[in-house]
Amino acid sequence: MDTRQGTSTQGGTIKGCENLAPIYILSSIIKAMKYMLILFTPLLLLLLPGCKPDPYPKNPRYEVKKPKVIYAPEKKNLEKMVKQLQGSPYVWAEEGPDKFDCSGLTYYMYGSMGIEIPRVAREQAKVGKKISPKDLRYGDLIFFATDKRHPRKITHVGMYLGDGWFTHASTVKHEVIYSNLFTSPYYKKRLRVCRRYLPEKPTAIAMTEEKPWQTTQKIPATPPSRAAAASKGKAIVIQAPIQQIEQTHATGNFYVQVGSFVGRPKSALLYKIAREGFSHKIIKFPRGGKTINKLLIGPYKTRADALAARQKVRAKIQKDAFIAEIR
């Protein structure tokens, strides 16, 4: 008579081994989950940075957080922060170090250099040295009235960088971006006040007396971050004197740029553009003592329309034509 009741190395499946089956299954599940975690963690890490915080949280943090002083008040340190903070998310009532509203960005950058300015834009616009727009230079703050109901009320602020460019925490793009006064009728019309806060010391701030629109030096068509965008086929912003980019009708902001020319483009090229059914626009601006002409095809109301036109332009007119945007 076989009286075995427990485990044995001689027999087959017995009662004791039947109780181990759920434990074996659970162990297998745990191992599988570990493998999945190892496989998908890198993917999750890639996706997380693309998730922006809510730009208008239900419970904003109104308590002002004073930035730690980590730099001397010099232009080179502002330049360093501008590059570091580009692309940071916009969040209402935040002043850094990793998310900002418009005045929070300027408050943080100046506060990081030990220069205390008010926290909100309308108060920032009341202090510092008041200057004319034609005298703007790197680090100056420029203030805008963007509320149609209150055309004199300061509601937005950015930091001027030179050649028309300024950096600001955009309420439209919901991140810190570059914009250009030369190419943006929107901001040009709403500019109200310009203020200077950096110390007036030549040793600390090496500046030129030439105005951005009068300079004889070569002016970059895009700031560093936009040059990379252009190489990837994204729209870049056209730079030209303000009076040349005013639009009298809302026909669109996107163009296909054929090229830049010293002097007027050749008649044969303009004829070819017309023959293919396109309209064109020429923007002139000085560079290095010469007149440069940007030849643009358009305008187009949407980026998609401009991309469709670019395909034909590249096939029929200019192989390296690219999209340009006037904002």
C-alpha atoms as a PDB file:
ATOM      1  CA  MET A   1       0.000   0.000   0.000  1.00  0.00           C
ATOM      2  CA  ASP A   2       1.307   3.407  -1.022  1.00  0.00           C
ATOM      3  CA  THR A   3       1.044   5.745   2.006  1.00  0.00           C
ATOM      4  CA  ARG A   4       2.958   8.814   0.558  1.00  0.00           C
ATOM      5  CA  GLN A   5       1.227  12.120   1.417  1.00  0.00           C
ATOM      6  CA  GLY A   6       3.932  14.791   0.845  1.00  0.00           C
ATOM      7  CA  THR A   7       6.598  15.589  -1.731  1.00  0.00           C
ATOM      8  CA  SER A   8       8.794  12.917  -3.233  1.00  0.00           C
ATOM      9  CA  THR A   9      11.638  12.663  -5.708  1.00  0.00           C
ATOM     10  CA  GLN A  10      10.399   9.282  -6.877  1.00  0.00           C
ATOM     11  CA  GLY A  11       6.816   9.900  -7.850  1.00  0.00           C
ATOM     12  CA  GLY A  12       4.987  12.233 -10.261  1.00  0.00           C
ATOM     13  CA  THR A  13       2.613  15.066  -9.387  1.00  0.00           C
ATOM     14  CA  ILE A  14       1.360  14.776  -5.846  1.00  0.00           C
ATOM     15  CA  LYS A  15      -0.786  16.834  -3.505  1.00  0.00           C
ATOM     16  CA  GLY A  16       2.064  19.025  -2.142  1.00  0.00           C
ATOM     17  CA  CYS A  17       3.131  20.179  -5.655  1.00  0.00           C
ATOM     18  CA  GLU A  18      -0.423  21.149  -6.613  1.00  0.00           C
ATOM     19  CA  ASN A  19      -0.313  23.888  -3.936  1.00  0.00           C
ATOM     20  CA  LEU A  20       2.848  25.384  -5.537  1.00  0.00           C
ATOM     21  CA  ALA A  21       1.191  26.112  -8.901  1.00  0.00           C
ATOM     22  CA  PRO A  22      -0.302  29.559  -7.965  1.00  0.00           C
ATOM     23  CA  ILE A  23       3.048  30.631  -6.487  1.00  0.00           C
ATOM     24  CA  TYR A  24       4.841  29.669  -9.716  1.00  0.00           C
ATOM     25  CA  ILE A  25       2.335  31.654 -11.826  1.00  0.00           C
ATOM     26  CA  LEU A  26       2.668  34.737  -9.573  1.00  0.00           C
ATOM     27  CA  SER A  27       6.452  34.545  -9.778  1.00  0.00           C
ATOM     28  CA  SER A  28       6.282  34.423 -13.579  1.00  0.00           C
ATOM     29  CA  ILE A  29       4.019  37.472 -13.679  1.00  0.00           C
ATOM     30  CA  ILE A  30       6.410  39.457 -11.456  1.00  0.00           C
ATOM     31  CA  LYS A  31       9.351  38.564 -13.688  1.00  0.00           C
ATOM     32  CA  ALA A  32       7.419  39.599 -16.798  1.00  0.00           C
ATOM     33  CA  MET A  33       6.524  42.941 -15.199  1.00  0.00           C
ATOM     34  CA  LYS A  34      10.191  43.555 -14.372  1.00  0.00           C
ATOM     35  CA  TYR A  35      11.177  42.935 -17.985  1.00  0.00           C
ATOM     36  CA  MET A  36       8.424  45.277 -19.228  1.00  0.00           C
ATOM     37  CA  LEU A  37       9.568  47.971 -16.806  1.00  0.00           C
ATOM     38  CA  ILE A  38      13.135  47.674 -18.078  1.00  0.00           C
ATOM     39  CA  LEU A  39      11.985  47.845 -21.697  1.00  0.00           C
ATOM     40  CA  PHE A  40       9.546  50.752 -21.412  1.00  0.00           C
ATOM     41  CA  THR A  41      11.279  53.010 -18.852  1.00  0.00           C
ATOM     42  CA  PRO A  42      13.499  54.697 -21.504  1.00  0.00           C
ATOM     43  CA  LEU A  43      10.405  55.367 -23.632  1.00  0.00           C
ATOM     44  CA  LEU A  44       8.589  56.925 -20.689  1.00  0.00           C
ATOM     45  CA  LEU A  45      11.581  59.137 -19.949  1.00  0.00           C
ATOM     46  CA  LEU A  46      11.498  60.385 -23.536  1.00  0.00           C
ATOM     47  CA  LEU A  47       7.791  61.164 -23.409  1.00  0.00           C
ATOM     48  CA  LEU A  48       7.693  62.919 -20.038  1.00  0.00           C
ATOM     49  CA  PRO A  49       9.678  66.050 -21.055  1.00  0.00           C
ATOM     50  CA  GLY A  50       7.148  66.732 -23.803  1.00  0.00           C
ATOM     51  CA  CYS A  51       4.333  67.059 -21.254  1.00  0.00           C
ATOM     52  CA  LYS A  52       3.933  70.736 -20.415  1.00  0.00           C
ATOM     53  CA  PRO A  53       2.298  71.873 -17.167  1.00  0.00           C
ATOM     54  CA  ASP A  54      -1.081  73.609 -17.225  1.00  0.00           C
ATOM     55  CA  PRO A  55      -0.352  77.260 -18.166  1.00  0.00           C
ATOM     56  CA  TYR A  56      -3.286  78.438 -16.057  1.00  0.00           C
ATOM     57  CA  PRO A  57      -3.489  76.213 -12.957  1.00  0.00           C
ATOM     58  CA  LYS A  58      -6.665  76.185 -10.859  1.00  0.00           C
ATOM     59  CA  ASN A  59      -4.699  77.130  -7.754  1.00  0.00           C
ATOM     60  CA  PRO A  60      -1.873  79.494  -8.812  1.00  0.00           C
ATOM     61  CA  ARG A  61       1.100  79.939  -6.478  1.00  0.00           C
ATOM     62  CA  TYR A  62       0.907  83.657  -5.691  1.00  0.00           C
ATOM     63  CA  GLU A  63       3.599  83.619  -3.024  1.00  0.00           C
ATOM     64  CA  VAL A  64       6.645  85.276  -4.610  1.00  0.00           C
ATOM     65  CA  LYS A  65       9.792  83.155  -4.559  1.00  0.00           C
ATOM     66  CA  LYS A  66      12.847  85.381  -4.582  1.00  0.00           C
ATOM     67  CA  PRO A  67      15.604  83.967  -6.837  1.00  0.00           C
ATOM     68  CA  LYS A  68      19.024  83.124  -5.442  1.00  0.00           C
ATOM     69  CA  VAL A  69      21.786  85.488  -6.551  1.00  0.00           C
ATOM     70  CA  ILE A  70      24.195  83.412  -8.665  1.00  0.00           C
ATOM     71  CA  TYR A  71      25.566  85.910 -11.210  1.00  0.00           C
ATOM     72  CA  ALA A  72      27.122  89.356 -11.388  1.00  0.00           C
ATOM     73  CA  PRO A  73      24.957  91.997 -13.159  1.00  0.00           C
ATOM     74  CA  GLU A  74      26.587  91.733 -16.579  1.00  0.00           C
ATOM     75  CA  LYS A  75      25.388  91.240 -20.144  1.00  0.00           C
ATOM     76  CA  LYS A  76      27.271  87.947 -20.544  1.00  0.00           C
ATOM     77  CA  ASN A  77      25.338  86.459 -17.630  1.00  0.00           C
ATOM     78  CA  LEU A  78      22.030  87.581 -19.100  1.00  0.00           C
ATOM     79  CA  GLU A  79      23.043  85.903 -22.356  1.00  0.00           C
ATOM     80  CA  LYS A  80      23.769  82.681 -20.486  1.00  0.00           C
ATOM     81  CA  MET A  81      20.357  82.685 -18.794  1.00  0.00           C
ATOM     82  CA  VAL A  82      18.507  83.569 -22.006  1.00  0.00           C
ATOM     83  CA  LYS A  83      19.967  80.486 -23.705  1.00  0.00           C
ATOM     84  CA  GLN A  84      19.334  78.231 -20.698  1.00  0.00           C
ATOM     85  CA  LEU A  85      15.709  79.288 -20.210  1.00  0.00           C
ATOM     86  CA  GLN A  86      14.634  79.208 -23.853  1.00  0.00           C
ATOM     87  CA  GLY A  87      11.754  76.754 -24.237  1.00  0.00           C
ATOM     88  CA  SER A  88      10.832  76.765 -20.528  1.00  0.00           C
ATOM     89  CA  PRO A  89       7.056  76.341 -20.021  1.00  0.00           C
ATOM     90  CA  TYR A  90       4.749  79.289 -19.393  1.00  0.00           C
ATOM     91  CA  VAL A  91       2.774  79.012 -16.134  1.00  0.00           C
ATOM     92  CA  TRP A  92       0.746  81.867 -14.682  1.00  0.00           C
ATOM     93  CA  ALA A  93       2.115  83.327 -11.399  1.00  0.00           C
ATOM     94  CA  GLU A  94       5.407  81.420 -11.581  1.00  0.00           C
ATOM     95  CA  GLU A  95       8.853  83.011 -11.419  1.00  0.00           C
ATOM     96  CA  GLY A  96      11.154  80.045 -11.939  1.00  0.00           C
ATOM     97  CA  PRO A  97      13.464  78.390 -11.829  1.00  0.00           C
ATOM     98  CA  ASP A  98      11.904  76.040 -14.430  1.00  0.00           C
ATOM     99  CA  LYS A  99       8.582  77.690 -15.364  1.00  0.00           C
ATOM    100  CA  PHE A 100       7.542  81.319 -15.708  1.00  0.00           C
ATOM    101  CA  ASP A 101       4.928  83.857 -16.623  1.00  0.00           C
ATOM    102  CA  CYS A 102       6.134  86.898 -18.587  1.00  0.00           C
ATOM    103  CA  SER A 103       7.100  89.139 -15.664  1.00  0.00           C
ATOM    104  CA  GLY A 104       8.269  86.128 -13.661  1.00  0.00           C
ATOM    105  CA  LEU A 105      10.914  85.483 -16.330  1.00  0.00           C
ATOM    106  CA  THR A 106      12.327  89.022 -16.179  1.00  0.00           C
ATOM    107  CA  TYR A 107      12.060  89.051 -12.369  1.00  0.00           C
ATOM    108  CA  TYR A 108      14.023  85.788 -12.184  1.00  0.00           C
ATOM    109  CA  MET A 109      16.803  86.809 -14.580  1.00  0.00           C
ATOM    110  CA  TYR A 110      17.455  90.169 -12.950  1.00  0.00           C
ATOM    111  CA  GLY A 111      17.006  88.764  -9.447  1.00  0.00           C
ATOM    112  CA  SER A 112      19.600  86.075 -10.245  1.00  0.00           C
ATOM    113  CA  MET A 113      22.078  88.923 -10.761  1.00  0.00           C
ATOM    114  CA  GLY A 114      21.154  90.675  -7.507  1.00  0.00           C
ATOM    115  CA  ILE A 115      19.040  93.388  -9.203  1.00  0.00           C
ATOM    116  CA  GLU A 116      15.676  93.638  -7.463  1.00  0.00           C
ATOM    117  CA  ILE A 117      12.760  94.715  -9.623  1.00  0.00           C
ATOM    118  CA  PRO A 118       8.992  94.476  -8.964  1.00  0.00           C
ATOM    119  CA  ARG A 119       7.319  91.143  -9.586  1.00  0.00           C
ATOM    120  CA  VAL A 120       4.544  92.173 -12.016  1.00  0.00           C
ATOM    121  CA  ALA A 121       4.903  93.813 -15.437  1.00  0.00           C
ATOM    122  CA  ARG A 122       2.899  96.984 -14.734  1.00  0.00           C
ATOM    123  CA  GLU A 123       5.123  97.739 -11.711  1.00  0.00           C
ATOM    124  CA  GLN A 124       8.340  96.809 -13.525  1.00  0.00           C
ATOM    125  CA  ALA A 125       7.395  99.409 -16.146  1.00  0.00           C
ATOM    126  CA  LYS A 126       7.479 102.163 -13.506  1.00  0.00           C
ATOM    127  CA  VAL A 127      11.090 101.703 -12.362  1.00  0.00           C
ATOM    128  CA  GLY A 128      14.493 101.684 -14.026  1.00  0.00           C
ATOM    129  CA  LYS A 129      15.724 104.201 -16.581  1.00  0.00           C
ATOM    130  CA  LYS A 130      13.127 105.100 -19.197  1.00  0.00           C
ATOM    131  CA  ILE A 131      14.573 104.999 -22.716  1.00  0.00           C
ATOM    132  CA  SER A 132      13.444 105.512 -26.292  1.00  0.00           C
ATOM    133  CA  PRO A 133      12.785 102.472 -28.509  1.00  0.00           C
ATOM    134  CA  LYS A 134      15.508 103.669 -30.896  1.00  0.00           C
ATOM    135  CA  ASP A 135      18.057 103.401 -28.038  1.00  0.00           C
ATOM    136  CA  LEU A 136      17.208  99.822 -27.046  1.00  0.00           C
ATOM    137  CA  ARG A 137      20.099  97.498 -26.283  1.00  0.00           C
ATOM    138  CA  TYR A 138      20.671  94.049 -24.817  1.00  0.00           C
ATOM    139  CA  GLY A 139      18.945  93.474 -21.486  1.00  0.00           C
ATOM    140  CA  ASP A 140      16.451  96.339 -21.675  1.00  0.00           C
ATOM    141  CA  LEU A 141      12.869  95.442 -20.825  1.00  0.00           C
ATOM    142  CA  ILE A 142      10.096  96.263 -23.272  1.00  0.00           C
ATOM    143  CA  PHE A 143       6.485  96.531 -22.115  1.00  0.00           C
ATOM    144  CA  PHE A 144       3.303  95.987 -24.087  1.00  0.00           C
ATOM    145  CA  ALA A 145      -0.409  96.705 -23.741  1.00  0.00           C
ATOM    146  CA  THR A 146      -2.096  93.597 -25.161  1.00  0.00           C
ATOM    147  CA  ASP A 147      -5.605  94.059 -23.741  1.00  0.00           C
ATOM    148  CA  LYS A 148      -7.921  95.609 -26.359  1.00  0.00           C
ATOM    149  CA  ARG A 149     -10.234  96.909 -23.652  1.00  0.00           C
ATOM    150  CA  HIS A 150      -7.366  98.736 -21.898  1.00  0.00           C
ATOM    151  CA  PRO A 151      -4.934  99.925 -24.617  1.00  0.00           C
ATOM    152  CA  ARG A 152      -2.718 101.761 -22.104  1.00  0.00           C
ATOM    153  CA  LYS A 153      -2.541  99.087 -19.408  1.00  0.00           C
ATOM    154  CA  ILE A 154       0.762  97.176 -19.309  1.00  0.00           C
ATOM    155  CA  THR A 155       0.025  93.461 -19.565  1.00  0.00           C
ATOM    156  CA  HIS A 156       3.152  91.889 -21.080  1.00  0.00           C
ATOM    157  CA  VAL A 157       6.939  92.240 -20.878  1.00  0.00           C
ATOM    158  CA  GLY A 158       9.951  90.877 -22.739  1.00  0.00           C
ATOM    159  CA  MET A 159      13.731  91.351 -22.696  1.00  0.00           C
ATOM    160  CA  TYR A 160      15.369  92.992 -25.695  1.00  0.00           C
ATOM    161  CA  LEU A 161      18.311  91.122 -27.260  1.00  0.00           C
ATOM    162  CA  GLY A 162      19.300  93.311 -30.214  1.00  0.00           C
ATOM    163  CA  ASP A 163      18.473  93.528 -33.941  1.00  0.00           C
ATOM    164  CA  GLY A 164      14.759  93.574 -33.108  1.00  0.00           C
ATOM    165  CA  TRP A 165      14.817  90.266 -31.222  1.00  0.00           C
ATOM    166  CA  PHE A 166      13.431  89.853 -27.719  1.00  0.00           C
ATOM    167  CA  THR A 167      12.773  86.884 -25.447  1.00  0.00           C
ATOM    168  CA  HIS A 168       9.551  86.485 -23.484  1.00  0.00           C
ATOM    169  CA  ALA A 169       7.274  83.924 -21.864  1.00  0.00           C
ATOM    170  CA  SER A 170       4.551  83.710 -24.486  1.00  0.00           C
ATOM    171  CA  THR A 171       0.905  83.360 -23.473  1.00  0.00           C
ATOM    172  CA  VAL A 172       0.184  82.003 -26.969  1.00  0.00           C
ATOM    173  CA  LYS A 173       2.963  79.414 -27.366  1.00  0.00           C
ATOM    174  CA  HIS A 174       2.943  78.717 -23.599  1.00  0.00           C
ATOM    175  CA  GLU A 175       6.730  78.717 -23.400  1.00  0.00           C
ATOM    176  CA  VAL A 176       9.714  81.064 -23.462  1.00  0.00           C
ATOM    177  CA  ILE A 177      10.343  82.034 -27.095  1.00  0.00           C
ATOM    178  CA  TYR A 178      12.066  84.574 -29.340  1.00  0.00           C
ATOM    179  CA  SER A 179      10.032  87.205 -31.214  1.00  0.00           C
ATOM    180  CA  ASN A 180      11.079  90.146 -33.363  1.00  0.00           C
ATOM    181  CA  LEU A 181       9.867  93.751 -33.229  1.00  0.00           C
ATOM    182  CA  PHE A 182      10.941  94.267 -36.848  1.00  0.00           C
ATOM    183  CA  THR A 183       8.700  91.508 -38.154  1.00  0.00           C
ATOM    184  CA  SER A 184       5.765  91.649 -35.762  1.00  0.00           C
ATOM    185  CA  PRO A 185       3.150  94.360 -36.405  1.00  0.00           C
ATOM    186  CA  TYR A 186       1.306  92.975 -33.369  1.00  0.00           C
ATOM    187  CA  TYR A 187       4.070  93.772 -30.892  1.00  0.00           C
ATOM    188  CA  LYS A 188       5.202  96.962 -32.638  1.00  0.00           C
ATOM    189  CA  LYS A 189       1.740  98.507 -32.321  1.00  0.00           C
ATOM    190  CA  ARG A 190       1.418  97.515 -28.662  1.00  0.00           C
ATOM    191  CA  LEU A 191       4.864  98.616 -27.428  1.00  0.00           C
ATOM    192  CA  ARG A 192       4.358 101.224 -24.683  1.00  0.00           C
ATOM    193  CA  VAL A 193       7.433 101.562 -22.436  1.00  0.00           C
ATOM    194  CA  CYS A 194      11.138 100.661 -22.502  1.00  0.00           C
ATOM    195  CA  ARG A 195      13.231 100.460 -19.319  1.00  0.00           C
ATOM    196  CA  ARG A 196      16.891  99.825 -18.510  1.00  0.00           C
ATOM    197  CA  TYR A 197      18.130  98.150 -15.324  1.00  0.00           C
ATOM    198  CA  LEU A 198      21.694  97.016 -16.028  1.00  0.00           C
ATOM    199  CA  PRO A 199      24.466  99.229 -14.603  1.00  0.00           C
ATOM    200  CA  GLU A 200      25.802 101.799 -17.074  1.00  0.00           C
ATOM    201  CA  LYS A 201      29.383 100.490 -16.972  1.00  0.00           C
ATOM    202  CA  PRO A 202      31.318  99.993 -20.238  1.00  0.00           C
ATOM    203  CA  THR A 203      33.559  97.396 -18.583  1.00  0.00           C
ATOM    204  CA  ALA A 204      30.579  95.264 -17.642  1.00  0.00           C
ATOM    205  CA  ILE A 205      28.464  95.817 -20.746  1.00  0.00           C
ATOM    206  CA  ALA A 206      30.177  96.063 -24.129  1.00  0.00           C
ATOM    207  CA  MET A 207      27.580  97.716 -26.333  1.00  0.00           C
ATOM    208  CA  THR A 208      27.642  99.451 -29.714  1.00  0.00           C
ATOM    209  CA  GLU A 209      26.287 102.944 -30.320  1.00  0.00           C
ATOM    210  CA  GLU A 210      24.839 101.841 -33.657  1.00  0.00           C
ATOM    211  CA  LYS A 211      21.122 101.197 -33.792  1.00  0.00           C
ATOM    212  CA  PRO A 212      20.008  97.689 -34.895  1.00  0.00           C
ATOM    213  CA  TRP A 213      18.461  99.073 -38.102  1.00  0.00           C
ATOM    214  CA  GLN A 214      21.493 101.284 -38.863  1.00  0.00           C
ATOM    215  CA  THR A 215      24.312  98.810 -38.230  1.00  0.00           C
ATOM    216  CA  THR A 216      26.868  98.082 -40.941  1.00  0.00           C
ATOM    217  CA  GLN A 217      27.687  94.693 -39.447  1.00  0.00           C
ATOM    218  CA  LYS A 218      26.184  91.453 -40.675  1.00  0.00           C
ATOM    219  CA  ILE A 219      22.877  90.837 -38.939  1.00  0.00           C
ATOM    220  CA  PRO A 220      21.876  87.197 -38.324  1.00  0.00           C
ATOM    221  CA  ALA A 221      18.560  86.369 -39.944  1.00  0.00           C
ATOM    222  CA  THR A 222      17.630  84.183 -36.970  1.00  0.00           C
ATOM    223  CA  PRO A 223      18.797  83.734 -33.388  1.00  0.00           C
ATOM    224  CA  PRO A 224      20.820  80.530 -32.745  1.00  0.00           C
ATOM    225  CA  SER A 225      17.850  78.352 -31.800  1.00  0.00           C
ATOM    226  CA  ARG A 226      15.946  79.312 -34.968  1.00  0.00           C
ATOM    227  CA  ALA A 227      18.830  78.481 -37.270  1.00  0.00           C
ATOM    228  CA  ALA A 228      18.528  74.857 -36.204  1.00  0.00           C
ATOM    229  CA  ALA A 229      14.771  74.963 -36.749  1.00  0.00           C
ATOM    230  CA  ALA A 230      15.236  76.208 -40.294  1.00  0.00           C
ATOM    231  CA  SER A 231      17.510  73.270 -41.099  1.00  0.00           C
ATOM    232  CA  LYS A 232      14.693  70.920 -40.049  1.00  0.00           C
ATOM    233  CA  GLY A 233      12.188  72.512 -42.418  1.00  0.00           C
ATOM    234  CA  LYS A 234      10.377  74.597 -39.802  1.00  0.00           C
ATOM    235  CA  ALA A 235       9.331  78.166 -40.535  1.00  0.00           C
ATOM    236  CA  ILE A 236      11.814  80.868 -39.630  1.00  0.00           C
ATOM    237  CA  VAL A 237      11.091  84.509 -38.984  1.00  0.00           C
ATOM    238  CA  ILE A 238      11.994  87.120 -41.612  1.00  0.00           C
ATOM    239  CA  GLN A 239      13.976  90.093 -40.328  1.00  0.00           C
ATOM    240  CA  ALA A 240      13.468  93.484 -41.975  1.00  0.00           C
ATOM    241  CA  PRO A 241      12.950  97.107 -40.928  1.00  0.00           C
ATOM    242  CA  ILE A 242       9.572  97.650 -39.313  1.00  0.00           C
ATOM    243  CA  GLN A 243       8.127  99.891 -42.015  1.00  0.00           C
ATOM    244  CA  GLN A 244       8.698  97.205 -44.664  1.00  0.00           C
ATOM    245  CA  ILE A 245       6.680  94.446 -43.025  1.00  0.00           C
ATOM    246  CA  GLU A 246       3.500  96.294 -42.055  1.00  0.00           C
ATOM    247  CA  GLN A 247       0.534  94.431 -43.531  1.00  0.00           C
ATOM    248  CA  THR A 248      -2.490  96.410 -44.652  1.00  0.00           C
ATOM    249  CA  HIS A 249      -4.722  93.372 -45.037  1.00  0.00           C
ATOM    250  CA  ALA A 250      -4.993  89.997 -43.337  1.00  0.00           C
ATOM    251  CA  THR A 251      -3.800  87.770 -46.178  1.00  0.00           C
ATOM    252  CA  GLY A 252      -1.590  85.490 -44.088  1.00  0.00           C
ATOM    253  CA  ASN A 253       1.809  85.356 -42.441  1.00  0.00           C
ATOM    254  CA  PHE A 254       3.579  82.508 -44.256  1.00  0.00           C
ATOM    255  CA  TYR A 255       5.853  82.830 -47.289  1.00  0.00           C
ATOM    256  CA  VAL A 256       8.191  80.680 -49.373  1.00  0.00           C
ATOM    257  CA  GLN A 257      11.574  82.385 -49.480  1.00  0.00           C
ATOM    258  CA  VAL A 258      13.345  81.914 -52.800  1.00  0.00           C
ATOM    259  CA  GLY A 259      16.565  83.622 -51.771  1.00  0.00           C
ATOM    260  CA  SER A 260      18.453  86.752 -50.724  1.00  0.00           C
ATOM    261  CA  PHE A 261      20.079  88.993 -53.332  1.00  0.00           C
ATOM    262  CA  VAL A 262      22.447  91.952 -53.436  1.00  0.00           C
ATOM    263  CA  GLY A 263      20.384  94.313 -55.550  1.00  0.00           C
ATOM    264  CA  ARG A 264      17.149  93.445 -57.329  1.00  0.00           C
ATOM    265  CA  PRO A 265      16.587  89.803 -58.350  1.00  0.00           C
ATOM    266  CA  LYS A 266      16.981  89.080 -62.060  1.00  0.00           C
ATOM    267  CA  SER A 267      13.977  89.755 -64.276  1.00  0.00           C
ATOM    268  CA  ALA A 268      14.130  86.208 -65.654  1.00  0.00           C
ATOM    269  CA  LEU A 269      13.605  84.798 -62.158  1.00  0.00           C
ATOM    270  CA  LEU A 270      10.677  87.116 -61.446  1.00  0.00           C
ATOM    271  CA  TYR A 271       9.138  86.205 -64.804  1.00  0.00           C
ATOM    272  CA  LYS A 272       9.525  82.517 -64.009  1.00  0.00           C
ATOM    273  CA  ILE A 273       7.730  83.000 -60.687  1.00  0.00           C
ATOM    274  CA  ALA A 274       4.859  84.797 -62.406  1.00  0.00           C
ATOM    275  CA  ARG A 275       4.699  82.172 -65.169  1.00  0.00           C
ATOM    276  CA  GLU A 276       4.229  79.434 -62.539  1.00  0.00           C
ATOM    277  CA  GLY A 277       1.240  81.341 -61.147  1.00  0.00           C
ATOM    278  CA  PHE A 278       2.836  82.749 -57.980  1.00  0.00           C
ATOM    279  CA  SER A 279       2.741  86.268 -56.557  1.00  0.00           C
ATOM    280  CA  HIS A 280       5.892  87.603 -54.929  1.00  0.00           C
ATOM    281  CA  LYS A 281       7.091  90.220 -52.466  1.00  0.00           C
ATOM    282  CA  ILE A 282      10.546  91.785 -52.047  1.00  0.00           C
ATOM    283  CA  ILE A 283      11.746  92.982 -48.635  1.00  0.00           C
ATOM    284  CA  LYS A 284      14.782  95.292 -48.637  1.00  0.00           C
ATOM    285  CA  PHE A 285      17.155  95.946 -45.745  1.00  0.00           C
ATOM    286  CA  PRO A 286      20.746  97.159 -45.316  1.00  0.00           C
ATOM    287  CA  ARG A 287      23.596  94.789 -44.497  1.00  0.00           C
ATOM    288  CA  GLY A 288      27.288  95.589 -44.580  1.00  0.00           C
ATOM    289  CA  GLY A 289      26.704  98.806 -46.486  1.00  0.00           C
ATOM    290  CA  LYS A 290      24.731  97.025 -49.199  1.00  0.00           C
ATOM    291  CA  THR A 291      21.024  96.588 -49.892  1.00  0.00           C
ATOM    292  CA  ILE A 292      19.858  93.013 -49.488  1.00  0.00           C
ATOM    293  CA  ASN A 293      16.600  91.889 -51.102  1.00  0.00           C
ATOM    294  CA  LYS A 294      14.673  88.905 -49.771  1.00  0.00           C
ATOM    295  CA  LEU A 295      12.479  87.406 -52.489  1.00  0.00           C
ATOM    296  CA  LEU A 296       9.312  85.871 -51.040  1.00  0.00           C
ATOM    297  CA  ILE A 297       6.461  83.986 -52.655  1.00  0.00           C
ATOM    298  CA  GLY A 298       3.077  84.387 -51.009  1.00  0.00           C
ATOM    299  CA  PRO A 299       1.596  85.227 -48.594  1.00  0.00           C
ATOM    300  CA  TYR A 300      -0.273  82.111 -47.395  1.00  0.00           C
ATOM    301  CA  LYS A 301      -2.786  81.967 -44.576  1.00  0.00           C
ATOM    302  CA  THR A 302      -1.547  78.678 -43.115  1.00  0.00           C
ATOM    303  CA  ARG A 303       1.725  76.808 -42.849  1.00  0.00           C
ATOM    304  CA  ALA A 304       0.129  73.888 -44.721  1.00  0.00           C
ATOM    305  CA  ASP A 305      -0.629  76.140 -47.699  1.00  0.00           C
ATOM    306  CA  ALA A 306       2.940  77.440 -47.692  1.00  0.00           C
ATOM    307  CA  LEU A 307       4.348  73.896 -47.528  1.00  0.00           C
ATOM    308  CA  ALA A 308       2.249  72.872 -50.515  1.00  0.00           C
ATOM    309  CA  ALA A 309       3.531  75.883 -52.465  1.00  0.00           C
ATOM    310  CA  ARG A 310       7.113  75.180 -51.385  1.00  0.00           C
ATOM    311  CA  GLN A 311       6.953  71.740 -52.986  1.00  0.00           C
ATOM    312  CA  LYS A 312       6.138  73.266 -56.369  1.00  0.00           C
ATOM    313  CA  VAL A 313       8.659  76.099 -55.910  1.00  0.00           C
ATOM    314  CA  ARG A 314      11.430  73.593 -55.194  1.00  0.00           C
ATOM    315  CA  ALA A 315      10.487  71.556 -58.252  1.00  0.00           C
ATOM    316  CA  LYS A 316      10.095  74.458 -60.679  1.00  0.00           C
ATOM    317  CA  ILE A 317      12.041  77.470 -59.373  1.00  0.00           C
ATOM    318  CA  GLN A 318      14.488  77.051 -56.470  1.00  0.00           C
ATOM    319  CA  LYS A 319      15.586  73.692 -54.992  1.00  0.00           C
ATOM    320  CA  ASP A 320      16.488  75.057 -51.538  1.00  0.00           C
ATOM    321  CA  ALA A 321      13.460  77.350 -51.029  1.00  0.00           C
ATOM    322  CA  PHE A 322      12.169  77.347 -47.451  1.00  0.00           C
ATOM    323  CA  ILE A 323       9.243  78.551 -45.338  1.00  0.00           C
ATOM    324  CA  ALA A 324       9.459  81.974 -43.681  1.00  0.00           C
ATOM    325  CA  GLU A 325       6.962  83.436 -41.239  1.00  0.00           C
ATOM    326  CA  ILE A 326       6.183  87.055 -40.434  1.00  0.00           C
ATOM    327  CA  ARG A 327       4.673  87.357 -36.935  1.00  0.00           C
END
